[in-house]
Amino acid sequence: MIQMNLLPWRKTLNERKRKENLATISFAAGFAACLVILTILGLSMSIANEKRVVQYLNNKISSLDKNLQEIRGLETKKTNLIAKINVLQKLQIRRADTAKIFDELVAVIPDNITLSNVQRTGESVAISGFADSNSDVSQFMKNIERSTLLDSARLLEIEQILINDAFINQFYMDFKIGSI
């Protein structure tokens, strides 16, 4: 039988297979490295994009916060203006009250009474004055009770005093103002 030496051929085949395997492994490693690099670049771009979006949103949020503060300031101003308008409306409504009260006082004061002091505090009026007799003060109180504007007359004090050699009754009273 003929003897053939297959060792160089096997050695060449093994060498070629080893080179093919190294090329395949190198190609796979290169391909995997490219995939990793591309993935990292893609993720980096996504992260950068998300950072831009977050920065944009933060800028919008800070802008909206400023707008919200302005709105709150405007709401405070609005509330203050409404309160001022309400005060002005109340003053406008009550503008003629004092004149109406004096008109009513003129109508209810008897002839023999002279007022020396009239002081209004809210819905209460305190008066002091002089009368010829106690019955004049009593008539004054009755007239106040009959009035549609004045009510709850209350005599605080009445005393006789000497003025110019004549006795005069000095009185202090208060009453409430009804609905005007």
Protein backbone atom coordinates (compact mmCIF):
# COMPACT_ATOMS: atom_id res chain seq x y z
CA MET A 1 0.00 0.00 0.00
CA ILE A 2 1.01 3.45 -0.68
CA GLN A 3 1.69 5.67 2.16
CA MET A 4 0.75 9.30 1.95
CA ASN A 5 1.74 11.95 4.29
CA LEU A 6 -1.39 13.98 5.16
CA LEU A 7 0.15 15.99 7.95
CA PRO A 8 0.99 19.11 5.94
CA TRP A 9 -2.46 19.09 4.43
CA ARG A 10 -4.07 18.73 7.85
CA LYS A 11 -1.80 21.33 9.19
CA THR A 12 -2.77 23.70 6.38
CA LEU A 13 -6.45 22.86 6.85
CA ASN A 14 -6.22 23.45 10.58
CA GLU A 15 -4.34 26.66 9.98
CA ARG A 16 -6.96 27.82 7.49
CA LYS A 17 -9.82 26.87 9.84
CA ARG A 18 -8.09 28.66 12.67
CA LYS A 19 -7.68 31.79 10.49
CA GLU A 20 -11.31 31.54 9.40
CA ASN A 21 -12.38 31.16 13.00
CA LEU A 22 -10.20 34.12 14.01
CA ALA A 23 -11.64 36.17 11.14
CA THR A 24 -15.18 35.16 12.13
CA ILE A 25 -14.48 35.94 15.78
CA SER A 26 -12.79 39.23 14.81
CA PHE A 27 -15.71 40.11 12.54
CA ALA A 28 -18.22 39.22 15.28
CA ALA A 29 -16.19 41.16 17.86
CA GLY A 30 -15.95 44.15 15.50
CA PHE A 31 -19.63 43.90 14.71
CA ALA A 32 -20.46 43.65 18.43
CA ALA A 33 -18.16 46.61 19.17
CA CYS A 34 -19.89 48.62 16.43
CA LEU A 35 -23.27 47.66 17.90
CA VAL A 36 -22.10 48.68 21.36
CA ILE A 37 -20.70 51.96 20.05
CA LEU A 38 -23.86 52.65 18.06
CA THR A 39 -26.00 51.79 21.09
CA ILE A 40 -23.91 54.07 23.31
CA LEU A 41 -24.13 56.87 20.72
CA GLY A 42 -27.89 56.36 20.38
CA LEU A 43 -28.37 56.37 24.13
CA SER A 44 -26.11 59.42 24.46
CA MET A 45 -28.18 61.22 21.85
CA SER A 46 -31.39 60.17 23.61
CA ILE A 47 -30.02 61.35 26.95
CA ALA A 48 -28.89 64.64 25.41
CA ASN A 49 -32.32 65.05 23.82
CA GLU A 50 -34.04 64.25 27.12
CA LYS A 51 -31.79 66.75 28.88
CA ARG A 52 -32.81 69.41 26.35
CA VAL A 53 -36.47 68.51 26.88
CA VAL A 54 -36.04 68.63 30.67
CA GLN A 55 -34.25 71.99 30.39
CA TYR A 56 -37.02 73.31 28.14
CA LEU A 57 -39.66 72.09 30.58
CA ASN A 58 -37.78 73.61 33.54
CA ASN A 59 -37.62 76.93 31.68
CA LYS A 60 -41.34 76.74 30.93
CA ILE A 61 -42.08 75.81 34.55
CA SER A 62 -40.06 78.77 35.85
CA SER A 63 -41.82 81.02 33.35
CA LEU A 64 -45.20 79.69 34.48
CA ASP A 65 -44.17 80.14 38.13
CA LYS A 66 -43.42 83.79 37.40
CA ASN A 67 -46.78 84.11 35.66
CA LEU A 68 -48.46 82.42 38.63
CA GLN A 69 -46.82 84.87 41.02
CA GLU A 70 -48.01 87.75 38.85
CA ILE A 71 -51.51 86.26 38.85
CA ARG A 72 -51.43 85.92 42.63
CA GLY A 73 -50.29 89.52 42.88
CA LEU A 74 -53.12 90.55 40.58
CA GLU A 75 -55.58 88.51 42.64
CA THR A 76 -54.38 90.31 45.77
CA LYS A 77 -54.76 93.65 44.02
CA LYS A 78 -58.20 92.57 42.81
CA THR A 79 -59.24 91.62 46.35
CA ASN A 80 -57.96 94.96 47.67
CA LEU A 81 -59.75 96.86 44.92
CA ILE A 82 -62.99 94.99 45.57
CA ALA A 83 -62.68 95.82 49.27
CA LYS A 84 -62.09 99.49 48.42
CA ILE A 85 -65.04 99.46 46.02
CA ASN A 86 -67.23 97.96 48.75
CA VAL A 87 -66.12 100.65 51.20
CA LEU A 88 -66.79 103.35 48.62
CA GLN A 89 -70.21 101.89 47.85
CA LYS A 90 -71.07 101.82 51.56
CA LEU A 91 -69.89 105.40 51.88
CA GLN A 92 -71.89 106.39 48.82
CA ILE A 93 -74.99 104.70 50.21
CA ARG A 94 -74.51 106.31 53.64
CA ARG A 95 -73.51 109.66 52.20
CA ALA A 96 -76.81 111.33 52.88
CA ASP A 97 -77.44 109.55 56.20
CA THR A 98 -76.20 112.41 58.35
CA ALA A 99 -78.40 114.89 56.52
CA LYS A 100 -81.41 112.57 56.94
CA ILE A 101 -80.64 112.16 60.66
CA PHE A 102 -80.47 115.95 61.16
CA ASP A 103 -83.66 116.43 59.17
CA GLU A 104 -85.38 113.89 61.39
CA LEU A 105 -83.92 115.50 64.55
CA VAL A 106 -85.31 118.87 63.49
CA ALA A 107 -88.72 117.27 63.06
CA VAL A 108 -88.75 115.55 66.49
CA ILE A 109 -87.22 118.29 68.68
CA PRO A 110 -89.86 120.22 70.66
CA ASP A 111 -89.73 124.02 70.64
CA ASN A 112 -88.42 124.42 74.19
CA ILE A 113 -85.33 122.20 73.72
CA THR A 114 -81.90 123.39 72.64
CA LEU A 115 -79.24 120.84 71.71
CA SER A 116 -75.67 121.60 72.75
CA ASN A 117 -73.90 118.47 71.51
CA VAL A 118 -74.71 115.74 68.97
CA GLN A 119 -72.25 112.90 68.54
CA ARG A 120 -72.71 109.88 66.29
CA THR A 121 -70.83 106.62 66.87
CA GLY A 122 -71.81 103.96 64.38
CA GLU A 123 -75.55 103.41 64.71
CA SER A 124 -75.81 105.23 68.04
CA VAL A 125 -76.23 108.98 68.59
CA ALA A 126 -75.50 110.68 71.91
CA ILE A 127 -76.97 114.13 72.50
CA SER A 128 -76.96 116.67 75.26
CA GLY A 129 -78.94 119.84 75.56
CA PHE A 130 -81.13 122.13 77.61
CA ALA A 131 -84.89 122.03 78.17
CA ASP A 132 -87.32 124.31 79.96
CA SER A 133 -89.02 121.38 81.70
CA ASN A 134 -88.86 117.64 82.16
CA SER A 135 -92.03 117.26 80.10
CA ASP A 136 -90.21 118.73 77.08
CA VAL A 137 -87.55 116.01 77.40
CA SER A 138 -90.30 113.41 77.76
CA GLN A 139 -92.03 114.72 74.63
CA PHE A 140 -88.68 114.63 72.80
CA MET A 141 -88.23 110.96 73.74
CA LYS A 142 -91.79 110.13 72.60
CA ASN A 143 -91.18 111.88 69.29
CA ILE A 144 -88.00 109.85 68.80
CA GLU A 145 -89.92 106.60 69.44
CA ARG A 146 -92.60 107.62 66.89
CA SER A 147 -89.96 108.43 64.28
CA THR A 148 -89.38 105.96 61.44
CA LEU A 149 -85.66 106.72 61.39
CA LEU A 150 -84.82 107.03 65.09
CA ASP A 151 -85.62 104.60 67.89
CA SER A 152 -84.62 103.29 71.32
CA ALA A 153 -84.37 106.67 73.03
CA ARG A 154 -82.74 106.38 76.45
CA LEU A 155 -82.42 109.19 78.97
CA LEU A 156 -79.04 108.97 80.68
CA GLU A 157 -79.25 111.94 83.02
CA ILE A 158 -81.30 115.06 83.64
CA GLU A 159 -80.38 117.74 86.14
CA GLN A 160 -81.37 121.27 86.98
CA ILE A 161 -78.62 123.83 86.65
CA LEU A 162 -78.56 127.59 87.26
CA ILE A 163 -77.75 129.70 84.22
CA ASN A 164 -78.20 133.48 84.26
CA ASP A 165 -80.29 133.37 87.44
CA ALA A 166 -82.69 130.84 85.92
CA PHE A 167 -83.02 127.11 86.46
CA ILE A 168 -82.74 125.07 83.26
CA ASN A 169 -82.86 121.29 82.86
CA GLN A 170 -79.71 119.90 81.27
CA PHE A 171 -80.14 116.40 79.84
CA TYR A 172 -78.02 113.66 78.33
CA MET A 173 -79.58 110.95 76.22
CA ASP A 174 -78.84 108.58 73.40
CA PHE A 175 -80.82 106.77 70.74
CA LYS A 176 -80.29 104.33 67.91
CA ILE A 177 -80.58 104.99 64.22
CA GLY A 178 -83.04 102.67 62.52
CA SER A 179 -82.97 101.64 58.89
CA ILE A 180 -82.37 104.54 56.57
